[in-house]
C-alpha atoms as a PDB file:
ATOM      1  CA  UNK A   1       0.061  -0.001   0.099  1.00  0.00           C
ATOM      2  CA  UNK A   2       1.232   3.462  -0.748  1.00  0.00           C
ATOM      3  CA  UNK A   3       1.709   5.977   2.004  1.00  0.00           C
ATOM      4  CA  UNK A   4       2.301   9.754   1.838  1.00  0.00           C
ATOM      5  CA  UNK A   5       5.914  10.874   1.285  1.00  0.00           C
ATOM      6  CA  UNK A   6       5.654  14.573   0.570  1.00  0.00           C
ATOM      7  CA  UNK A   7       3.514  17.462  -0.821  1.00  0.00           C
ATOM      8  CA  UNK A   8       4.604  19.934  -3.501  1.00  0.00           C
ATOM      9  CA  UNK A   9       3.126  22.659  -5.680  1.00  0.00           C
ATOM     10  CA  UNK A  10       3.685  23.113  -9.495  1.00  0.00           C
ATOM     11  CA  UNK A  11       5.745  25.996 -10.640  1.00  0.00           C
ATOM     12  CA  UNK A  12       2.503  27.569 -11.991  1.00  0.00           C
ATOM     13  CA  UNK A  13       1.099  27.824  -8.564  1.00  0.00           C
ATOM     14  CA  UNK A  14       3.183  30.170  -6.050  1.00  0.00           C
ATOM     15  CA  UNK A  15       3.264  29.119  -2.493  1.00  0.00           C
ATOM     16  CA  UNK A  16       2.081  32.539  -1.363  1.00  0.00           C
ATOM     17  CA  UNK A  17      -1.273  31.854  -3.069  1.00  0.00           C
ATOM     18  CA  UNK A  18      -1.999  28.856  -0.799  1.00  0.00           C
ATOM     19  CA  UNK A  19      -4.975  29.624   1.540  1.00  0.00           C
ATOM     20  CA  UNK A  20      -4.238  29.337   5.230  1.00  0.00           C
ATOM     21  CA  UNK A  21      -6.589  26.323   5.558  1.00  0.00           C
ATOM     22  CA  UNK A  22      -4.755  24.564   2.919  1.00  0.00           C
ATOM     23  CA  UNK A  23      -1.516  25.071   4.611  1.00  0.00           C
ATOM     24  CA  UNK A  24      -2.995  23.874   7.736  1.00  0.00           C
ATOM     25  CA  UNK A  25      -4.182  20.577   5.908  1.00  0.00           C
ATOM     26  CA  UNK A  26      -0.814  19.885   4.794  1.00  0.00           C
ATOM     27  CA  UNK A  27       0.566  20.399   8.292  1.00  0.00           C
ATOM     28  CA  UNK A  28      -2.076  18.065   9.666  1.00  0.00           C
ATOM     29  CA  UNK A  29      -1.054  15.172   7.303  1.00  0.00           C
ATOM     30  CA  UNK A  30       1.331  12.615   8.464  1.00  0.00           C
ATOM     31  CA  UNK A  31       3.916  10.956   6.499  1.00  0.00           C
ATOM     32  CA  UNK A  32       2.695   7.324   5.581  1.00  0.00           C
ATOM     33  CA  UNK A  33      -1.060   8.413   5.451  1.00  0.00           C
ATOM     34  CA  UNK A  34      -2.811   6.384   2.590  1.00  0.00           C
ATOM     35  CA  UNK A  35      -4.890   7.915  -0.190  1.00  0.00           C
ATOM     36  CA  UNK A  36      -8.122   6.934   1.470  1.00  0.00           C
ATOM     37  CA  UNK A  37      -7.276   8.736   4.690  1.00  0.00           C
ATOM     38  CA  UNK A  38      -5.876  11.904   2.758  1.00  0.00           C
ATOM     39  CA  UNK A  39      -9.072  12.021   0.692  1.00  0.00           C
ATOM     40  CA  UNK A  40     -11.386  11.548   3.797  1.00  0.00           C
ATOM     41  CA  UNK A  41      -9.661  14.450   5.646  1.00  0.00           C
ATOM     42  CA  UNK A  42      -9.944  16.713   2.690  1.00  0.00           C
ATOM     43  CA  UNK A  43     -13.622  15.855   2.218  1.00  0.00           C
ATOM     44  CA  UNK A  44     -14.446  16.434   5.873  1.00  0.00           C
ATOM     45  CA  UNK A  45     -12.923  19.960   5.478  1.00  0.00           C
ATOM     46  CA  UNK A  46     -15.011  20.564   2.352  1.00  0.00           C
ATOM     47  CA  UNK A  47     -12.133  20.715  -0.173  1.00  0.00           C
ATOM     48  CA  UNK A  48     -13.586  18.430  -2.924  1.00  0.00           C
ATOM     49  CA  UNK A  49     -10.460  16.435  -3.490  1.00  0.00           C
ATOM     50  CA  UNK A  50      -9.571  14.769  -6.866  1.00  0.00           C
ATOM     51  CA  UNK A  51      -6.776  12.379  -7.711  1.00  0.00           C
ATOM     52  CA  UNK A  52      -4.812  11.878 -10.999  1.00  0.00           C
ATOM     53  CA  UNK A  53      -1.809   9.807 -11.515  1.00  0.00           C
ATOM     54  CA  UNK A  54       1.137  12.055 -13.068  1.00  0.00           C
ATOM     55  CA  UNK A  55       3.192   9.266 -14.800  1.00  0.00           C
ATOM     56  CA  UNK A  56       5.319  11.794 -16.615  1.00  0.00           C
ATOM     57  CA  UNK A  57       6.867  12.751 -13.204  1.00  0.00           C
ATOM     58  CA  UNK A  58       7.778   9.275 -12.195  1.00  0.00           C
ATOM     59  CA  UNK A  59       6.245   6.484 -10.085  1.00  0.00           C
ATOM     60  CA  UNK A  60       4.061   7.417  -7.010  1.00  0.00           C
ATOM     61  CA  UNK A  61       3.423  10.935  -8.139  1.00  0.00           C
ATOM     62  CA  UNK A  62      -0.158  12.202  -8.184  1.00  0.00           C
ATOM     63  CA  UNK A  63      -2.001  15.382  -8.790  1.00  0.00           C
ATOM     64  CA  UNK A  64      -4.226  15.964  -5.699  1.00  0.00           C
ATOM     65  CA  UNK A  65      -6.402  18.800  -6.579  1.00  0.00           C
ATOM     66  CA  UNK A  66      -8.348  20.604  -3.763  1.00  0.00           C
ATOM     67  CA  UNK A  67     -10.977  23.304  -4.083  1.00  0.00           C
ATOM     68  CA  UNK A  68     -10.216  25.670  -0.973  1.00  0.00           C
ATOM     69  CA  UNK A  69     -12.464  28.832  -0.656  1.00  0.00           C
ATOM     70  CA  UNK A  70     -13.565  28.477  -4.314  1.00  0.00           C
ATOM     71  CA  UNK A  71      -9.931  28.270  -5.482  1.00  0.00           C
ATOM     72  CA  UNK A  72      -8.552  25.388  -7.175  1.00  0.00           C
ATOM     73  CA  UNK A  73      -5.324  24.320  -5.340  1.00  0.00           C
ATOM     74  CA  UNK A  74      -3.255  21.883  -7.538  1.00  0.00           C
ATOM     75  CA  UNK A  75      -1.140  19.925  -5.035  1.00  0.00           C
ATOM     76  CA  UNK A  76       1.348  17.223  -6.201  1.00  0.00           C
ATOM     77  CA  UNK A  77       1.680  14.297  -3.864  1.00  0.00           C
ATOM     78  CA  UNK A  78       4.592  11.897  -3.706  1.00  0.00           C
ATOM     79  CA  UNK A  79       3.412   8.504  -2.308  1.00  0.00           C
ATOM     80  CA  UNK A  80       5.878   5.536  -1.633  1.00  0.00           C
ATOM     81  CA  UNK A  81       5.348   1.998  -0.963  1.00  0.00           C
ATOM     82  CA  UNK A  82       4.862   1.563   2.855  1.00  0.00           C
ATOM     83  CA  UNK A  83       7.250  -0.642   4.668  1.00  0.00           C
ATOM     84  CA  UNK A  84       5.519  -3.867   6.174  1.00  0.00           C
ATOM     85  CA  UNK A  85       4.321  -3.072   9.629  1.00  0.00           C
ATOM     86  CA  UNK A  86       6.533  -4.842  12.316  1.00  0.00           C
ATOM     87  CA  UNK A  87       4.531  -6.387  15.092  1.00  0.00           C
ATOM     88  CA  UNK A  88       6.058  -5.721  18.519  1.00  0.00           C
ATOM     89  CA  UNK A  89       5.708  -8.118  21.439  1.00  0.00           C
ATOM     90  CA  UNK A  90       4.577  -5.858  24.343  1.00  0.00           C
ATOM     91  CA  UNK A  91       4.074  -8.471  26.753  1.00  0.00           C
ATOM     92  CA  UNK A  92       5.821  -8.270  30.018  1.00  0.00           C
ATOM     93  CA  UNK A  93       8.227 -11.259  30.857  1.00  0.00           C
ATOM     94  CA  UNK A  94       5.857 -12.309  33.818  1.00  0.00           C
ATOM     95  CA  UNK A  95       2.700 -12.569  31.458  1.00  0.00           C
ATOM     96  CA  UNK A  96       1.991 -16.011  30.311  1.00  0.00           C
ATOM     97  CA  UNK A  97       1.133 -16.938  26.736  1.00  0.00           C
ATOM     98  CA  UNK A  98      -2.588 -17.796  26.185  1.00  0.00           C
ATOM     99  CA  UNK A  99      -1.651 -20.154  23.487  1.00  0.00           C
END
């Protein structure tokens, strides 16, 4: 499963045009979030997100368009394959196995 690596803006959209609520959205997103979670958070904030794979920019790069305060914000999102989760054994030495 792919997880969030980084956000970016195309050269045609200066960073100073980013609405404050869009900047806060980016700050609130955590590295490793999947597309479903990113989409859900954006929808909850009323941003009407759309995704488009940007194959010409390499693997794992997507256009993630948001509508914020009636302005189209063309984010670029780099996703990478998430590392398999490692399960940690959090039992104390005194705790007996149930199996």
